């Protein structure tokens, strides 16, 4: 094995708080090459925004704003990631959209198959700004 040495040892990363990661499989299994720019952008954002269980609860309008995508670009990217089985079609970030559409906590919990306490927790947790 080749001995490796850091080019700039003082810049070696140290994990001091929360963090996100993308497994090497993402490259090794060809996902990077198969996805378009918007799909990559959305996927990386969702990984960064996810909690410890891999759930993101950003509303689609916040995602669109942060990623500078049109709603159409967002929907297309989201649908491609769902089709590629890279994200769940019932992801937590949909909770806010459903609430904005006027659904009750009870209906959201039934639709997404989550308990009501989880839905309330995500609705009450303010989005990071």
C-alpha atoms as a PDB file:
ATOM      1  CA  UNK A   1       0.000   0.000   0.000  1.00  0.00           C
ATOM      2  CA  UNK A   2       1.189   3.514  -0.795  1.00  0.00           C
ATOM      3  CA  UNK A   3       2.039   5.641   2.224  1.00  0.00           C
ATOM      4  CA  UNK A   4      -0.115   8.762   2.205  1.00  0.00           C
ATOM      5  CA  UNK A   5       0.690  12.017   3.885  1.00  0.00           C
ATOM      6  CA  UNK A   6      -1.568  15.024   4.300  1.00  0.00           C
ATOM      7  CA  UNK A   7      -0.502  17.967   2.158  1.00  0.00           C
ATOM      8  CA  UNK A   8      -1.576  20.424   4.813  1.00  0.00           C
ATOM      9  CA  UNK A   9      -1.979  18.649   8.192  1.00  0.00           C
ATOM     10  CA  UNK A  10      -3.520  21.684   9.913  1.00  0.00           C
ATOM     11  CA  UNK A  11      -6.459  21.462   7.461  1.00  0.00           C
ATOM     12  CA  UNK A  12      -7.446  17.859   8.255  1.00  0.00           C
ATOM     13  CA  UNK A  13     -11.141  17.877   9.084  1.00  0.00           C
ATOM     14  CA  UNK A  14     -12.347  17.295  12.610  1.00  0.00           C
ATOM     15  CA  UNK A  15     -15.964  16.509  13.327  1.00  0.00           C
ATOM     16  CA  UNK A  16     -16.992  18.777  16.191  1.00  0.00           C
ATOM     17  CA  UNK A  17     -20.766  18.915  15.822  1.00  0.00           C
ATOM     18  CA  UNK A  18     -23.476  17.523  13.625  1.00  0.00           C
ATOM     19  CA  UNK A  19     -22.419  16.312  10.227  1.00  0.00           C
ATOM     20  CA  UNK A  20     -23.687  14.628   7.084  1.00  0.00           C
ATOM     21  CA  UNK A  21     -22.035  12.142   4.785  1.00  0.00           C
ATOM     22  CA  UNK A  22     -22.562  10.474   1.451  1.00  0.00           C
ATOM     23  CA  UNK A  23     -21.288   6.921   1.159  1.00  0.00           C
ATOM     24  CA  UNK A  24     -18.671   5.991  -1.435  1.00  0.00           C
ATOM     25  CA  UNK A  25     -21.330   3.788  -3.013  1.00  0.00           C
ATOM     26  CA  UNK A  26     -22.787   6.987  -4.439  1.00  0.00           C
ATOM     27  CA  UNK A  27     -19.836   7.179  -6.839  1.00  0.00           C
ATOM     28  CA  UNK A  28     -19.007   3.482  -7.069  1.00  0.00           C
ATOM     29  CA  UNK A  29     -22.515   2.463  -8.129  1.00  0.00           C
ATOM     30  CA  UNK A  30     -22.785   5.204 -10.725  1.00  0.00           C
ATOM     31  CA  UNK A  31     -25.398   7.442  -9.112  1.00  0.00           C
ATOM     32  CA  UNK A  32     -23.275  10.553  -9.677  1.00  0.00           C
ATOM     33  CA  UNK A  33     -23.079   9.873 -13.412  1.00  0.00           C
ATOM     34  CA  UNK A  34     -26.752   8.963 -13.835  1.00  0.00           C
ATOM     35  CA  UNK A  35     -28.245  12.016 -12.136  1.00  0.00           C
ATOM     36  CA  UNK A  36     -28.663  15.442 -13.672  1.00  0.00           C
ATOM     37  CA  UNK A  37     -27.540  18.687 -12.076  1.00  0.00           C
ATOM     38  CA  UNK A  38     -30.851  19.403 -10.327  1.00  0.00           C
ATOM     39  CA  UNK A  39     -31.174  15.853  -9.002  1.00  0.00           C
ATOM     40  CA  UNK A  40     -27.626  16.004  -7.596  1.00  0.00           C
ATOM     41  CA  UNK A  41     -28.264  19.392  -6.040  1.00  0.00           C
ATOM     42  CA  UNK A  42     -31.510  18.261  -4.407  1.00  0.00           C
ATOM     43  CA  UNK A  43     -30.054  14.968  -3.187  1.00  0.00           C
ATOM     44  CA  UNK A  44     -26.994  16.585  -1.611  1.00  0.00           C
ATOM     45  CA  UNK A  45     -29.227  19.223   0.006  1.00  0.00           C
ATOM     46  CA  UNK A  46     -31.536  16.573   1.465  1.00  0.00           C
ATOM     47  CA  UNK A  47     -28.538  14.650   2.839  1.00  0.00           C
ATOM     48  CA  UNK A  48     -27.197  17.825   4.457  1.00  0.00           C
ATOM     49  CA  UNK A  49     -30.604  18.798   5.838  1.00  0.00           C
ATOM     50  CA  UNK A  50     -31.494  15.354   7.184  1.00  0.00           C
ATOM     51  CA  UNK A  51     -31.739  14.517  10.832  1.00  0.00           C
ATOM     52  CA  UNK A  52     -30.135  11.411  12.345  1.00  0.00           C
ATOM     53  CA  UNK A  53     -32.884   9.237  10.851  1.00  0.00           C
ATOM     54  CA  UNK A  54     -32.338  10.620   7.342  1.00  0.00           C
ATOM     55  CA  UNK A  55     -35.482  12.758   7.385  1.00  0.00           C
ATOM     56  CA  UNK A  56     -35.665  16.314   6.119  1.00  0.00           C
ATOM     57  CA  UNK A  57     -38.630  18.492   6.973  1.00  0.00           C
ATOM     58  CA  UNK A  58     -38.003  21.521   4.807  1.00  0.00           C
ATOM     59  CA  UNK A  59     -41.014  22.658   2.830  1.00  0.00           C
ATOM     60  CA  UNK A  60     -40.722  22.527  -0.940  1.00  0.00           C
ATOM     61  CA  UNK A  61     -40.942  26.325  -1.200  1.00  0.00           C
ATOM     62  CA  UNK A  62     -37.965  26.687   1.164  1.00  0.00           C
ATOM     63  CA  UNK A  63     -35.996  24.085  -0.819  1.00  0.00           C
ATOM     64  CA  UNK A  64     -36.815  25.830  -4.094  1.00  0.00           C
ATOM     65  CA  UNK A  65     -35.677  29.141  -2.646  1.00  0.00           C
ATOM     66  CA  UNK A  66     -32.428  27.816  -1.176  1.00  0.00           C
ATOM     67  CA  UNK A  67     -31.484  25.804  -4.268  1.00  0.00           C
ATOM     68  CA  UNK A  68     -32.633  28.508  -6.696  1.00  0.00           C
ATOM     69  CA  UNK A  69     -34.790  26.059  -8.623  1.00  0.00           C
ATOM     70  CA  UNK A  70     -38.143  26.671 -10.228  1.00  0.00           C
ATOM     71  CA  UNK A  71     -41.023  24.633  -8.826  1.00  0.00           C
ATOM     72  CA  UNK A  72     -41.042  22.618 -12.062  1.00  0.00           C
ATOM     73  CA  UNK A  73     -37.311  21.864 -11.766  1.00  0.00           C
ATOM     74  CA  UNK A  74     -37.776  20.836  -8.146  1.00  0.00           C
ATOM     75  CA  UNK A  75     -40.693  18.517  -8.924  1.00  0.00           C
ATOM     76  CA  UNK A  76     -38.822  16.920 -11.825  1.00  0.00           C
ATOM     77  CA  UNK A  77     -35.685  16.409  -9.698  1.00  0.00           C
ATOM     78  CA  UNK A  78     -37.718  15.034  -6.773  1.00  0.00           C
ATOM     79  CA  UNK A  79     -39.613  12.642  -9.025  1.00  0.00           C
ATOM     80  CA  UNK A  80     -36.388  11.350 -10.607  1.00  0.00           C
ATOM     81  CA  UNK A  81     -34.913  10.710  -7.148  1.00  0.00           C
ATOM     82  CA  UNK A  82     -38.078   8.859  -6.124  1.00  0.00           C
ATOM     83  CA  UNK A  83     -37.980   6.787  -9.329  1.00  0.00           C
ATOM     84  CA  UNK A  84     -34.304   5.967  -8.665  1.00  0.00           C
ATOM     85  CA  UNK A  85     -35.350   4.883  -5.137  1.00  0.00           C
ATOM     86  CA  UNK A  86     -32.923   7.395  -3.635  1.00  0.00           C
ATOM     87  CA  UNK A  87     -35.555   9.200  -1.577  1.00  0.00           C
ATOM     88  CA  UNK A  88     -38.894   8.130  -0.198  1.00  0.00           C
ATOM     89  CA  UNK A  89     -41.900   9.566  -1.966  1.00  0.00           C
ATOM     90  CA  UNK A  90     -43.477  10.259   1.423  1.00  0.00           C
ATOM     91  CA  UNK A  91     -40.465  12.110   2.843  1.00  0.00           C
ATOM     92  CA  UNK A  92     -40.871  14.229   5.941  1.00  0.00           C
ATOM     93  CA  UNK A  93     -40.284  17.471   4.045  1.00  0.00           C
ATOM     94  CA  UNK A  94     -43.796  16.949   2.654  1.00  0.00           C
ATOM     95  CA  UNK A  95     -45.351  17.558   6.091  1.00  0.00           C
ATOM     96  CA  UNK A  96     -45.161  21.338   5.718  1.00  0.00           C
ATOM     97  CA  UNK A  97     -46.570  21.239   2.185  1.00  0.00           C
ATOM     98  CA  UNK A  98     -49.525  19.173   3.351  1.00  0.00           C
ATOM     99  CA  UNK A  99     -50.121  21.524   6.295  1.00  0.00           C
ATOM    100  CA  UNK A 100     -49.962  24.507   3.912  1.00  0.00           C
ATOM    101  CA  UNK A 101     -52.548  22.703   1.778  1.00  0.00           C
ATOM    102  CA  UNK A 102     -54.879  22.744   4.804  1.00  0.00           C
ATOM    103  CA  UNK A 103     -54.596  19.139   5.989  1.00  0.00           C
ATOM    104  CA  UNK A 104     -54.980  18.452   9.699  1.00  0.00           C
ATOM    105  CA  UNK A 105     -52.288  16.784  11.777  1.00  0.00           C
ATOM    106  CA  UNK A 106     -54.497  13.684  11.892  1.00  0.00           C
ATOM    107  CA  UNK A 107     -54.816  13.529   8.087  1.00  0.00           C
ATOM    108  CA  UNK A 108     -51.092  14.172   7.565  1.00  0.00           C
ATOM    109  CA  UNK A 109     -50.176  11.397  10.008  1.00  0.00           C
ATOM    110  CA  UNK A 110     -52.532   8.951   8.252  1.00  0.00           C
ATOM    111  CA  UNK A 111     -51.307   9.916   4.782  1.00  0.00           C
ATOM    112  CA  UNK A 112     -47.597   9.661   5.641  1.00  0.00           C
ATOM    113  CA  UNK A 113     -48.054   6.731   8.052  1.00  0.00           C
ATOM    114  CA  UNK A 114     -46.476   8.625  10.952  1.00  0.00           C
ATOM    115  CA  UNK A 115     -47.780   9.010  14.467  1.00  0.00           C
ATOM    116  CA  UNK A 116     -49.335  12.365  15.331  1.00  0.00           C
ATOM    117  CA  UNK A 117     -46.619  13.271  17.843  1.00  0.00           C
ATOM    118  CA  UNK A 118     -43.987  12.994  15.110  1.00  0.00           C
ATOM    119  CA  UNK A 119     -45.992  15.226  12.762  1.00  0.00           C
ATOM    120  CA  UNK A 120     -46.516  17.819  15.512  1.00  0.00           C
ATOM    121  CA  UNK A 121     -42.820  17.739  16.411  1.00  0.00           C
ATOM    122  CA  UNK A 122     -41.825  18.449  12.807  1.00  0.00           C
ATOM    123  CA  UNK A 123     -44.452  21.163  12.425  1.00  0.00           C
ATOM    124  CA  UNK A 124     -43.361  22.890  15.643  1.00  0.00           C
ATOM    125  CA  UNK A 125     -39.661  22.662  14.911  1.00  0.00           C
ATOM    126  CA  UNK A 126     -38.731  25.894  13.116  1.00  0.00           C
ATOM    127  CA  UNK A 127     -36.832  25.585   9.884  1.00  0.00           C
ATOM    128  CA  UNK A 128     -33.176  26.564  10.119  1.00  0.00           C
ATOM    129  CA  UNK A 129     -32.688  29.942   8.483  1.00  0.00           C
END
